[in-house]
Protein backbone atom coordinates (compact mmCIF):
# COMPACT_ATOMS: atom_id res chain seq x y z
CA UNK A 1 0.00 0.00 0.00
CA UNK A 2 1.49 3.24 -1.13
CA UNK A 3 1.43 6.73 0.30
CA UNK A 4 -1.17 7.80 -2.25
CA UNK A 5 -3.62 5.24 -0.86
CA UNK A 6 -3.22 6.60 2.67
CA UNK A 7 -3.70 10.20 1.54
CA UNK A 8 -6.90 9.29 -0.30
CA UNK A 9 -8.06 7.27 2.72
CA UNK A 10 -7.48 10.22 5.09
CA UNK A 11 -9.27 12.62 2.71
CA UNK A 12 -12.28 10.28 2.58
CA UNK A 13 -12.37 10.02 6.39
CA UNK A 14 -12.19 13.82 6.78
CA UNK A 15 -14.95 14.32 4.19
CA UNK A 16 -17.09 11.71 5.94
CA UNK A 17 -16.60 13.49 9.31
CA UNK A 18 -17.49 16.83 7.74
CA UNK A 19 -20.77 15.62 6.26
CA UNK A 20 -21.82 13.72 9.39
CA UNK A 21 -20.74 16.12 12.14
CA UNK A 22 -19.77 19.63 11.11
CA UNK A 23 -22.29 20.37 8.36
CA UNK A 24 -25.42 19.47 10.41
CA UNK A 25 -24.18 21.63 13.31
CA UNK A 26 -23.74 24.61 10.99
CA UNK A 27 -27.25 24.13 9.61
CA UNK A 28 -28.68 23.91 13.14
CA UNK A 29 -26.89 27.10 14.21
CA UNK A 30 -28.12 28.91 11.09
CA UNK A 31 -31.69 27.77 11.74
CA UNK A 32 -31.46 28.90 15.38
CA UNK A 33 -30.05 32.31 14.38
CA UNK A 34 -32.93 32.74 11.92
CA UNK A 35 -35.40 31.80 14.65
CA UNK A 36 -33.95 34.40 17.02
CA UNK A 37 -33.91 37.14 14.38
CA UNK A 38 -37.65 36.65 13.76
CA UNK A 39 -38.52 36.81 17.45
CA UNK A 40 -40.85 39.64 18.49
CA UNK A 41 -42.80 40.79 21.53
CA UNK A 42 -46.12 38.99 21.76
CA UNK A 43 -44.93 35.75 20.16
CA UNK A 44 -45.83 32.47 21.84
CA UNK A 45 -42.77 30.36 22.57
CA UNK A 46 -41.89 26.85 23.67
CA UNK A 47 -38.86 26.56 25.96
CA UNK A 48 -36.38 23.71 26.24
CA UNK A 49 -38.00 22.71 29.54
CA UNK A 50 -41.39 22.30 27.84
CA UNK A 51 -43.15 25.44 29.09
CA UNK A 52 -45.26 27.59 26.79
CA UNK A 53 -45.25 31.35 27.31
CA UNK A 54 -45.47 34.75 25.67
CA UNK A 55 -42.53 37.09 25.08
CA UNK A 56 -43.03 40.43 26.81
CA UNK A 57 -39.51 41.91 26.46
CA UNK A 58 -36.39 41.23 24.40
CA UNK A 59 -32.81 42.34 25.10
CA UNK A 60 -29.52 41.45 23.42
CA UNK A 61 -29.20 37.88 24.71
CA UNK A 62 -32.18 37.42 27.04
CA UNK A 63 -35.96 37.48 26.80
CA UNK A 64 -38.62 37.90 29.47
CA UNK A 65 -41.32 35.30 29.07
CA UNK A 66 -44.71 35.42 30.78
CA UNK A 67 -46.16 32.05 31.77
CA UNK A 68 -49.72 31.21 32.74
CA UNK A 69 -52.94 33.14 32.48
CA UNK A 70 -52.62 35.13 35.70
CA UNK A 71 -49.87 37.39 34.25
CA UNK A 72 -47.80 37.16 37.46
CA UNK A 73 -45.15 34.67 36.38
CA UNK A 74 -42.50 36.53 34.35
CA UNK A 75 -39.14 34.85 33.98
CA UNK A 76 -36.03 36.19 32.24
CA UNK A 77 -34.22 33.52 30.24
CA UNK A 78 -31.55 33.19 27.60
CA UNK A 79 -32.64 33.19 23.98
CA UNK A 80 -31.00 29.80 23.54
CA UNK A 81 -33.64 28.29 25.86
CA UNK A 82 -36.33 28.92 23.22
CA UNK A 83 -36.98 26.01 20.88
CA UNK A 84 -40.04 27.07 18.90
CA UNK A 85 -41.84 30.33 18.12
CA UNK A 86 -45.44 30.72 17.07
CA UNK A 87 -46.60 34.05 15.74
CA UNK A 88 -49.98 35.34 16.96
CA UNK A 89 -52.81 35.20 14.43
CA UNK A 90 -53.40 38.53 12.68
CA UNK A 91 -57.18 38.62 12.46
PDB file of N, CA and C in Angstrom:
ATOM      1  N   UNK A   1       0.844  -1.176   0.000  1.00  0.00           N
ATOM      2  CA  UNK A   1       0.000   0.000   0.000  1.00  0.00           C
ATOM      3  C   UNK A   1       0.888   1.238   0.000  1.00  0.00           C
ATOM      4  N   UNK A   2       0.641   2.068  -0.971  1.00  0.00           N
ATOM      5  CA  UNK A   2       1.491   3.238  -1.134  1.00  0.00           C
ATOM      6  C   UNK A   2       0.991   4.441  -0.345  1.00  0.00           C
ATOM      7  N   UNK A   3       1.765   5.492  -0.410  1.00  0.00           N
ATOM      8  CA  UNK A   3       1.432   6.733   0.301  1.00  0.00           C
ATOM      9  C   UNK A   3       0.195   7.396  -0.296  1.00  0.00           C
ATOM     10  N   UNK A   4      -0.001   7.230  -1.595  1.00  0.00           N
ATOM     11  CA  UNK A   4      -1.173   7.799  -2.253  1.00  0.00           C
ATOM     12  C   UNK A   4      -2.474   7.208  -1.719  1.00  0.00           C
ATOM     13  N   UNK A   5      -2.450   5.906  -1.436  1.00  0.00           N
ATOM     14  CA  UNK A   5      -3.615   5.243  -0.860  1.00  0.00           C
ATOM     15  C   UNK A   5      -3.973   5.849   0.491  1.00  0.00           C
ATOM     16  N   UNK A   6      -2.964   6.055   1.329  1.00  0.00           N
ATOM     17  CA  UNK A   6      -3.219   6.597   2.674  1.00  0.00           C
ATOM     18  C   UNK A   6      -3.720   8.035   2.611  1.00  0.00           C
ATOM     19  N   UNK A   7      -3.227   8.807   1.690  1.00  0.00           N
ATOM     20  CA  UNK A   7      -3.695  10.196   1.541  1.00  0.00           C
ATOM     21  C   UNK A   7      -5.161  10.215   1.119  1.00  0.00           C
ATOM     22  N   UNK A   8      -5.511   9.370   0.151  1.00  0.00           N
ATOM     23  CA  UNK A   8      -6.903   9.292  -0.297  1.00  0.00           C
ATOM     24  C   UNK A   8      -7.789   8.797   0.848  1.00  0.00           C
ATOM     25  N   UNK A   9      -7.310   7.814   1.583  1.00  0.00           N
ATOM     26  CA  UNK A   9      -8.057   7.266   2.720  1.00  0.00           C
ATOM     27  C   UNK A   9      -8.327   8.355   3.769  1.00  0.00           C
ATOM     28  N   UNK A  10      -7.330   9.147   4.095  1.00  0.00           N
ATOM     29  CA  UNK A  10      -7.483  10.221   5.089  1.00  0.00           C
ATOM     30  C   UNK A  10      -8.455  11.290   4.570  1.00  0.00           C
ATOM     31  N   UNK A  11      -8.363  11.644   3.306  1.00  0.00           N
ATOM     32  CA  UNK A  11      -9.271  12.622   2.710  1.00  0.00           C
ATOM     33  C   UNK A  11     -10.708  12.120   2.781  1.00  0.00           C
ATOM     34  N   UNK A  12     -10.926  10.850   2.506  1.00  0.00           N
ATOM     35  CA  UNK A  12     -12.277  10.280   2.581  1.00  0.00           C
ATOM     36  C   UNK A  12     -12.794  10.316   4.009  1.00  0.00           C
ATOM     37  N   UNK A  13     -11.970   9.988   4.973  1.00  0.00           N
ATOM     38  CA  UNK A  13     -12.375  10.019   6.389  1.00  0.00           C
ATOM     39  C   UNK A  13     -12.731  11.446   6.804  1.00  0.00           C
ATOM     40  N   UNK A  14     -11.915  12.423   6.423  1.00  0.00           N
ATOM     41  CA  UNK A  14     -12.188  13.820   6.778  1.00  0.00           C
ATOM     42  C   UNK A  14     -13.488  14.292   6.126  1.00  0.00           C
ATOM     43  N   UNK A  15     -13.712  13.940   4.864  1.00  0.00           N
ATOM     44  CA  UNK A  15     -14.947  14.323   4.187  1.00  0.00           C
ATOM     45  C   UNK A  15     -16.150  13.672   4.864  1.00  0.00           C
ATOM     46  N   UNK A  16     -16.024  12.428   5.245  1.00  0.00           N
ATOM     47  CA  UNK A  16     -17.087  11.713   5.944  1.00  0.00           C
ATOM     48  C   UNK A  16     -17.421  12.404   7.266  1.00  0.00           C
ATOM     49  N   UNK A  17     -16.399  12.787   8.029  1.00  0.00           N
ATOM     50  CA  UNK A  17     -16.604  13.487   9.310  1.00  0.00           C
ATOM     51  C   UNK A  17     -17.276  14.832   9.079  1.00  0.00           C
ATOM     52  N   UNK A  18     -16.890  15.533   8.029  1.00  0.00           N
ATOM     53  CA  UNK A  18     -17.489  16.832   7.737  1.00  0.00           C
ATOM     54  C   UNK A  18     -18.982  16.692   7.473  1.00  0.00           C
ATOM     55  N   UNK A  19     -19.364  15.748   6.628  1.00  0.00           N
ATOM     56  CA  UNK A  19     -20.768  15.615   6.258  1.00  0.00           C
ATOM     57  C   UNK A  19     -21.620  15.023   7.372  1.00  0.00           C
ATOM     58  N   UNK A  20     -21.031  14.302   8.296  1.00  0.00           N
ATOM     59  CA  UNK A  20     -21.817  13.725   9.386  1.00  0.00           C
ATOM     60  C   UNK A  20     -21.832  14.564  10.658  1.00  0.00           C
ATOM     61  N   UNK A  21     -20.817  15.399  10.867  1.00  0.00           N
ATOM     62  CA  UNK A  21     -20.738  16.117  12.136  1.00  0.00           C
ATOM     63  C   UNK A  21     -20.762  17.635  11.984  1.00  0.00           C
ATOM     64  N   UNK A  22     -19.932  18.184  11.175  1.00  0.00           N
ATOM     65  CA  UNK A  22     -19.766  19.635  11.115  1.00  0.00           C
ATOM     66  C   UNK A  22     -20.898  20.295  10.346  1.00  0.00           C
ATOM     67  N   UNK A  23     -21.263  19.761   9.200  1.00  0.00           N
ATOM     68  CA  UNK A  23     -22.294  20.374   8.363  1.00  0.00           C
ATOM     69  C   UNK A  23     -23.662  20.440   9.064  1.00  0.00           C
ATOM     70  N   UNK A  24     -24.134  19.372   9.708  1.00  0.00           N
ATOM     71  CA  UNK A  24     -25.419  19.469  10.411  1.00  0.00           C
ATOM     72  C   UNK A  24     -25.403  20.493  11.552  1.00  0.00           C
ATOM     73  N   UNK A  25     -24.275  20.629  12.241  1.00  0.00           N
ATOM     74  CA  UNK A  25     -24.185  21.628  13.307  1.00  0.00           C
ATOM     75  C   UNK A  25     -24.286  23.036  12.743  1.00  0.00           C
ATOM     76  N   UNK A  26     -23.651  23.288  11.619  1.00  0.00           N
ATOM     77  CA  UNK A  26     -23.737  24.610  10.991  1.00  0.00           C
ATOM     78  C   UNK A  26     -25.160  24.917  10.566  1.00  0.00           C
ATOM     79  N   UNK A  27     -25.860  23.920  10.012  1.00  0.00           N
ATOM     80  CA  UNK A  27     -27.255  24.125   9.610  1.00  0.00           C
ATOM     81  C   UNK A  27     -28.131  24.413  10.820  1.00  0.00           C
ATOM     82  N   UNK A  28     -27.902  23.701  11.921  1.00  0.00           N
ATOM     83  CA  UNK A  28     -28.684  23.907  13.136  1.00  0.00           C
ATOM     84  C   UNK A  28     -28.444  25.301  13.700  1.00  0.00           C
ATOM     85  N   UNK A  29     -27.200  25.759  13.721  1.00  0.00           N
ATOM     86  CA  UNK A  29     -26.894  27.105  14.211  1.00  0.00           C
ATOM     87  C   UNK A  29     -27.523  28.170  13.328  1.00  0.00           C
ATOM     88  N   UNK A  30     -27.508  27.959  12.019  1.00  0.00           N
ATOM     89  CA  UNK A  30     -28.118  28.915  11.093  1.00  0.00           C
ATOM     90  C   UNK A  30     -29.623  28.970  11.307  1.00  0.00           C
ATOM     91  N   UNK A  31     -30.245  27.830  11.497  1.00  0.00           N
ATOM     92  CA  UNK A  31     -31.687  27.770  11.742  1.00  0.00           C
ATOM     93  C   UNK A  31     -32.042  28.463  13.054  1.00  0.00           C
ATOM     94  N   UNK A  32     -31.219  28.266  14.081  1.00  0.00           N
ATOM     95  CA  UNK A  32     -31.456  28.896  15.378  1.00  0.00           C
ATOM     96  C   UNK A  32     -31.268  30.410  15.284  1.00  0.00           C
ATOM     97  N   UNK A  33     -30.268  30.872  14.556  1.00  0.00           N
ATOM     98  CA  UNK A  33     -30.054  32.308  14.381  1.00  0.00           C
ATOM     99  C   UNK A  33     -31.227  32.942  13.642  1.00  0.00           C
ATOM    100  N   UNK A  34     -31.759  32.247  12.646  1.00  0.00           N
ATOM    101  CA  UNK A  34     -32.927  32.744  11.921  1.00  0.00           C
ATOM    102  C   UNK A  34     -34.148  32.811  12.830  1.00  0.00           C
ATOM    103  N   UNK A  35     -34.298  31.816  13.688  1.00  0.00           N
ATOM    104  CA  UNK A  35     -35.403  31.799  14.650  1.00  0.00           C
ATOM    105  C   UNK A  35     -35.323  33.000  15.583  1.00  0.00           C
ATOM    106  N   UNK A  36     -34.124  33.283  16.094  1.00  0.00           N
ATOM    107  CA  UNK A  36     -33.952  34.400  17.020  1.00  0.00           C
ATOM    108  C   UNK A  36     -34.134  35.752  16.343  1.00  0.00           C
ATOM    109  N   UNK A  37     -33.778  35.853  15.070  1.00  0.00           N
ATOM    110  CA  UNK A  37     -33.913  37.135  14.375  1.00  0.00           C
ATOM    111  C   UNK A  37     -35.386  37.463  14.098  1.00  0.00           C
ATOM    112  N   UNK A  38     -36.229  36.436  14.008  1.00  0.00           N
ATOM    113  CA  UNK A  38     -37.655  36.650  13.756  1.00  0.00           C
ATOM    114  C   UNK A  38     -38.476  36.782  15.032  1.00  0.00           C
ATOM    115  N   UNK A  39     -37.825  36.741  16.177  1.00  0.00           N
ATOM    116  CA  UNK A  39     -38.517  36.811  17.455  1.00  0.00           C
ATOM    117  C   UNK A  39     -39.028  38.226  17.713  1.00  0.00           C
ATOM    118  N   UNK A  40     -40.276  38.334  18.207  1.00  0.00           N
ATOM    119  CA  UNK A  40     -40.849  39.643  18.491  1.00  0.00           C
ATOM    120  C   UNK A  40     -41.701  39.565  19.754  1.00  0.00           C
ATOM    121  N   UNK A  41     -41.953  40.715  20.328  1.00  0.00           N
ATOM    122  CA  UNK A  41     -42.798  40.787  21.525  1.00  0.00           C
ATOM    123  C   UNK A  41     -44.210  40.339  21.154  1.00  0.00           C
ATOM    124  N   UNK A  42     -44.781  39.497  21.998  1.00  0.00           N
ATOM    125  CA  UNK A  42     -46.120  38.987  21.761  1.00  0.00           C
ATOM    126  C   UNK A  42     -46.152  37.605  21.140  1.00  0.00           C
ATOM    127  N   UNK A  43     -44.985  37.095  20.740  1.00  0.00           N
ATOM    128  CA  UNK A  43     -44.928  35.753  20.157  1.00  0.00           C
ATOM    129  C   UNK A  43     -45.068  34.696  21.253  1.00  0.00           C
ATOM    130  N   UNK A  44     -45.755  33.619  20.933  1.00  0.00           N
ATOM    131  CA  UNK A  44     -45.831  32.474  21.838  1.00  0.00           C
ATOM    132  C   UNK A  44     -44.602  31.614  21.600  1.00  0.00           C
ATOM    133  N   UNK A  45     -44.000  31.138  22.690  1.00  0.00           N
ATOM    134  CA  UNK A  45     -42.771  30.362  22.573  1.00  0.00           C
ATOM    135  C   UNK A  45     -42.873  29.069  23.369  1.00  0.00           C
ATOM    136  N   UNK A  46     -42.068  28.099  22.949  1.00  0.00           N
ATOM    137  CA  UNK A  46     -41.886  26.849  23.673  1.00  0.00           C
ATOM    138  C   UNK A  46     -40.440  26.824  24.131  1.00  0.00           C
ATOM    139  N   UNK A  47     -40.215  26.584  25.424  1.00  0.00           N
ATOM    140  CA  UNK A  47     -38.859  26.560  25.963  1.00  0.00           C
ATOM    141  C   UNK A  47     -38.311  25.142  25.954  1.00  0.00           C
ATOM    142  N   UNK A  48     -37.014  25.029  26.206  1.00  0.00           N
ATOM    143  CA  UNK A  48     -36.382  23.711  26.238  1.00  0.00           C
ATOM    144  C   UNK A  48     -36.912  22.860  27.375  1.00  0.00           C
ATOM    145  N   UNK A  49     -37.452  23.470  28.419  1.00  0.00           N
ATOM    146  CA  UNK A  49     -38.002  22.714  29.539  1.00  0.00           C
ATOM    147  C   UNK A  49     -39.451  22.310  29.312  1.00  0.00           C
ATOM    148  N   UNK A  50     -40.044  22.723  28.187  1.00  0.00           N
ATOM    149  CA  UNK A  50     -41.389  22.299  27.837  1.00  0.00           C
ATOM    150  C   UNK A  50     -42.494  23.260  28.240  1.00  0.00           C
ATOM    151  N   UNK A  51     -42.144  24.449  28.690  1.00  0.00           N
ATOM    152  CA  UNK A  51     -43.145  25.439  29.086  1.00  0.00           C
ATOM    153  C   UNK A  51     -43.507  26.320  27.899  1.00  0.00           C
ATOM    154  N   UNK A  52     -44.774  26.644  27.800  1.00  0.00           N
ATOM    155  CA  UNK A  52     -45.264  27.585  26.794  1.00  0.00           C
ATOM    156  C   UNK A  52     -45.454  28.938  27.462  1.00  0.00           C
ATOM    157  N   UNK A  53     -45.086  30.010  26.768  1.00  0.00           N
ATOM    158  CA  UNK A  53     -45.249  31.347  27.306  1.00  0.00           C
ATOM    159  C   UNK A  53     -45.312  32.373  26.193  1.00  0.00           C
ATOM    160  N   UNK A  54     -45.386  33.640  26.603  1.00  0.00           N
ATOM    161  CA  UNK A  54     -45.469  34.754  25.666  1.00  0.00           C
ATOM    162  C   UNK A  54     -44.320  35.714  25.960  1.00  0.00           C
ATOM    163  N   UNK A  55     -43.636  36.147  24.916  1.00  0.00           N
ATOM    164  CA  UNK A  55     -42.527  37.091  25.080  1.00  0.00           C
ATOM    165  C   UNK A  55     -43.090  38.464  25.394  1.00  0.00           C
ATOM    166  N   UNK A  56     -42.580  39.075  26.475  1.00  0.00           N
ATOM    167  CA  UNK A  56     -43.030  40.427  26.810  1.00  0.00           C
ATOM    168  C   UNK A  56     -41.905  41.448  26.713  1.00  0.00           C
ATOM    169  N   UNK A  57     -40.636  40.988  26.624  1.00  0.00           N
ATOM    170  CA  UNK A  57     -39.512  41.914  26.461  1.00  0.00           C
ATOM    171  C   UNK A  57     -38.327  41.157  25.877  1.00  0.00           C
ATOM    172  N   UNK A  58     -37.558  41.832  25.045  1.00  0.00           N
ATOM    173  CA  UNK A  58     -36.388  41.226  24.403  1.00  0.00           C
ATOM    174  C   UNK A  58     -35.200  42.164  24.592  1.00  0.00           C
ATOM    175  N   UNK A  59     -34.074  41.600  25.045  1.00  0.00           N
ATOM    176  CA  UNK A  59     -32.808  42.338  25.104  1.00  0.00           C
ATOM    177  C   UNK A  59     -31.809  41.630  24.196  1.00  0.00           C
ATOM    178  N   UNK A  60     -30.552  41.993  24.305  1.00  0.00           N
ATOM    179  CA  UNK A  60     -29.524  41.450  23.416  1.00  0.00           C
ATOM    180  C   UNK A  60     -29.460  39.923  23.451  1.00  0.00           C
ATOM    181  N   UNK A  61     -29.338  39.334  24.632  1.00  0.00           N
ATOM    182  CA  UNK A  61     -29.203  37.880  24.711  1.00  0.00           C
ATOM    183  C   UNK A  61     -30.232  37.216  25.630  1.00  0.00           C
ATOM    184  N   UNK A  62     -31.154  37.989  26.172  1.00  0.00           N
ATOM    185  CA  UNK A  62     -32.184  37.420  27.039  1.00  0.00           C
ATOM    186  C   UNK A  62     -33.570  37.871  26.593  1.00  0.00           C
ATOM    187  N   UNK A  63     -34.567  37.126  27.027  1.00  0.00           N
ATOM    188  CA  UNK A  63     -35.962  37.482  26.802  1.00  0.00           C
ATOM    189  C   UNK A  63     -36.702  37.318  28.129  1.00  0.00           C
ATOM    190  N   UNK A  64     -37.759  38.081  28.317  1.00  0.00           N
ATOM    191  CA  UNK A  64     -38.618  37.896  29.474  1.00  0.00           C
ATOM    192  C   UNK A  64     -39.892  37.252  28.960  1.00  0.00           C
ATOM    193  N   UNK A  65     -40.183  36.076  29.515  1.00  0.00           N
ATOM    194  CA  UNK A  65     -41.323  35.297  29.068  1.00  0.00           C
ATOM    195  C   UNK A  65     -42.346  35.243  30.195  1.00  0.00           C
ATOM    196  N   UNK A  66     -43.604  35.449  29.820  1.00  0.00           N
ATOM    197  CA  UNK A  66     -44.711  35.420  30.780  1.00  0.00           C
ATOM    198  C   UNK A  66     -45.424  34.078  30.643  1.00  0.00           C
ATOM    199  N   UNK A  67     -45.539  33.370  31.756  1.00  0.00           N
ATOM    200  CA  UNK A  67     -46.160  32.051  31.771  1.00  0.00           C
ATOM    201  C   UNK A  67     -47.491  32.107  32.498  1.00  0.00           C
ATOM    202  N   UNK A  68     -48.441  31.314  32.056  1.00  0.00           N
ATOM    203  CA  UNK A  68     -49.721  31.206  32.740  1.00  0.00           C
ATOM    204  C   UNK A  68     -50.679  32.310  32.353  1.00  0.00           C
ATOM    205  N   UNK A  69     -51.902  32.166  32.832  1.00  0.00           N
ATOM    206  CA  UNK A  69     -52.941  33.136  32.478  1.00  0.00           C
ATOM    207  C   UNK A  69     -53.120  34.223  33.522  1.00  0.00           C
ATOM    208  N   UNK A  70     -52.442  34.119  34.654  1.00  0.00           N
ATOM    209  CA  UNK A  70     -52.619  35.128  35.698  1.00  0.00           C
ATOM    210  C   UNK A  70     -51.675  36.314  35.557  1.00  0.00           C
ATOM    211  N   UNK A  71     -50.788  36.291  34.590  1.00  0.00           N
ATOM    212  CA  UNK A  71     -49.874  37.393  34.251  1.00  0.00           C
ATOM    213  C   UNK A  71     -48.906  37.751  35.372  1.00  0.00           C
ATOM    214  N   UNK A  72     -48.711  36.864  36.350  1.00  0.00           N
ATOM    215  CA  UNK A  72     -47.800  37.156  37.458  1.00  0.00           C
ATOM    216  C   UNK A  72     -46.472  36.428  37.354  1.00  0.00           C
ATOM    217  N   UNK A  73     -46.370  35.470  36.488  1.00  0.00           N
ATOM    218  CA  UNK A  73     -45.153  34.673  36.377  1.00  0.00           C
ATOM    219  C   UNK A  73     -44.349  35.148  35.167  1.00  0.00           C
ATOM    220  N   UNK A  74     -43.378  36.006  35.405  1.00  0.00           N
ATOM    221  CA  UNK A  74     -42.503  36.533  34.352  1.00  0.00           C
ATOM    222  C   UNK A  74     -41.082  36.113  34.670  1.00  0.00           C
ATOM    223  N   UNK A  75     -40.466  35.411  33.735  1.00  0.00           N
ATOM    224  CA  UNK A  75     -39.143  34.852  33.979  1.00  0.00           C
ATOM    225  C   UNK A  75     -38.183  35.292  32.879  1.00  0.00           C
ATOM    226  N   UNK A  76     -37.053  35.896  33.248  1.00  0.00           N
ATOM    227  CA  UNK A  76     -36.032  36.186  32.240  1.00  0.00           C
ATOM    228  C   UNK A  76     -35.264  34.910  31.926  1.00  0.00           C
ATOM    229  N   UNK A  77     -34.982  34.696  30.650  1.00  0.00           N
ATOM    230  CA  UNK A  77     -34.225  33.519  30.240  1.00  0.00           C
ATOM    231  C   UNK A  77     -33.392  33.840  29.015  1.00  0.00           C
ATOM    232  N   UNK A  78     -32.402  33.011  28.769  1.00  0.00           N
ATOM    233  CA  UNK A  78     -31.553  33.194  27.601  1.00  0.00           C
ATOM    234  C   UNK A  78     -32.327  32.824  26.346  1.00  0.00           C
ATOM    235  N   UNK A  79     -31.981  33.481  25.255  1.00  0.00           N
ATOM    236  CA  UNK A  79     -32.644  33.189  23.977  1.00  0.00           C
ATOM    237  C   UNK A  79     -32.420  31.741  23.560  1.00  0.00           C
ATOM    238  N   UNK A  80     -31.299  31.174  23.939  1.00  0.00           N
ATOM    239  CA  UNK A  80     -30.995  29.800  23.537  1.00  0.00           C
ATOM    240  C   UNK A  80     -31.929  28.783  24.187  1.00  0.00           C
ATOM    241  N   UNK A  81     -32.694  29.190  25.210  1.00  0.00           N
ATOM    242  CA  UNK A  81     -33.642  28.286  25.862  1.00  0.00           C
ATOM    243  C   UNK A  81     -34.955  28.182  25.092  1.00  0.00           C
ATOM    244  N   UNK A  82     -35.096  28.945  24.015  1.00  0.00           N
ATOM    245  CA  UNK A  82     -36.325  28.917  23.220  1.00  0.00           C
ATOM    246  C   UNK A  82     -36.131  27.963  22.049  1.00  0.00           C
ATOM    247  N   UNK A  83     -37.077  27.044  21.901  1.00  0.00           N
ATOM    248  CA  UNK A  83     -36.978  26.012  20.877  1.00  0.00           C
ATOM    249  C   UNK A  83     -37.881  26.314  19.693  1.00  0.00           C
ATOM    250  N   UNK A  84     -39.053  26.872  19.961  1.00  0.00           N
ATOM    251  CA  UNK A  84     -40.041  27.066  18.904  1.00  0.00           C
ATOM    252  C   UNK A  84     -40.771  28.382  19.141  1.00  0.00           C
ATOM    253  N   UNK A  85     -41.099  29.073  18.045  1.00  0.00           N
ATOM    254  CA  UNK A  85     -41.839  30.334  18.120  1.00  0.00           C
ATOM    255  C   UNK A  85     -43.087  30.210  17.274  1.00  0.00           C
ATOM    256  N   UNK A  86     -44.191  30.690  17.822  1.00  0.00           N
ATOM    257  CA  UNK A  86     -45.441  30.723  17.069  1.00  0.00           C
ATOM    258  C   UNK A  86     -45.951  32.153  17.065  1.00  0.00           C
ATOM    259  N   UNK A  87     -46.115  32.693  15.882  1.00  0.00           N
ATOM    260  CA  UNK A  87     -46.595  34.051  15.736  1.00  0.00           C
ATOM    261  C   UNK A  87     -48.092  34.116  16.057  1.00  0.00           C
ATOM    262  N   UNK A  88     -48.539  35.212  16.700  1.00  0.00           N
ATOM    263  CA  UNK A  88     -49.979  35.336  16.960  1.00  0.00           C
ATOM    264  C   UNK A  88     -50.744  35.532  15.662  1.00  0.00           C
ATOM    265  N   UNK A  89     -51.974  35.054  15.632  1.00  0.00           N
ATOM    266  CA  UNK A  89     -52.813  35.203  14.426  1.00  0.00           C
ATOM    267  C   UNK A  89     -53.184  36.669  14.233  1.00  0.00           C
ATOM    268  N   UNK A  90     -53.052  37.138  13.009  1.00  0.00           N
ATOM    269  CA  UNK A  90     -53.399  38.529  12.683  1.00  0.00           C
ATOM    270  C   UNK A  90     -54.811  38.545  12.083  1.00  0.00           C
ATOM    271  N   UNK A  91     -55.787  38.605  12.946  1.00  0.00           N
ATOM    272  CA  UNK A  91     -57.176  38.618  12.459  1.00  0.00           C
ATOM    273  C   UNK A  91     -57.858  39.892  12.856  1.00  0.00           C
TER     274      UNK A  91
END
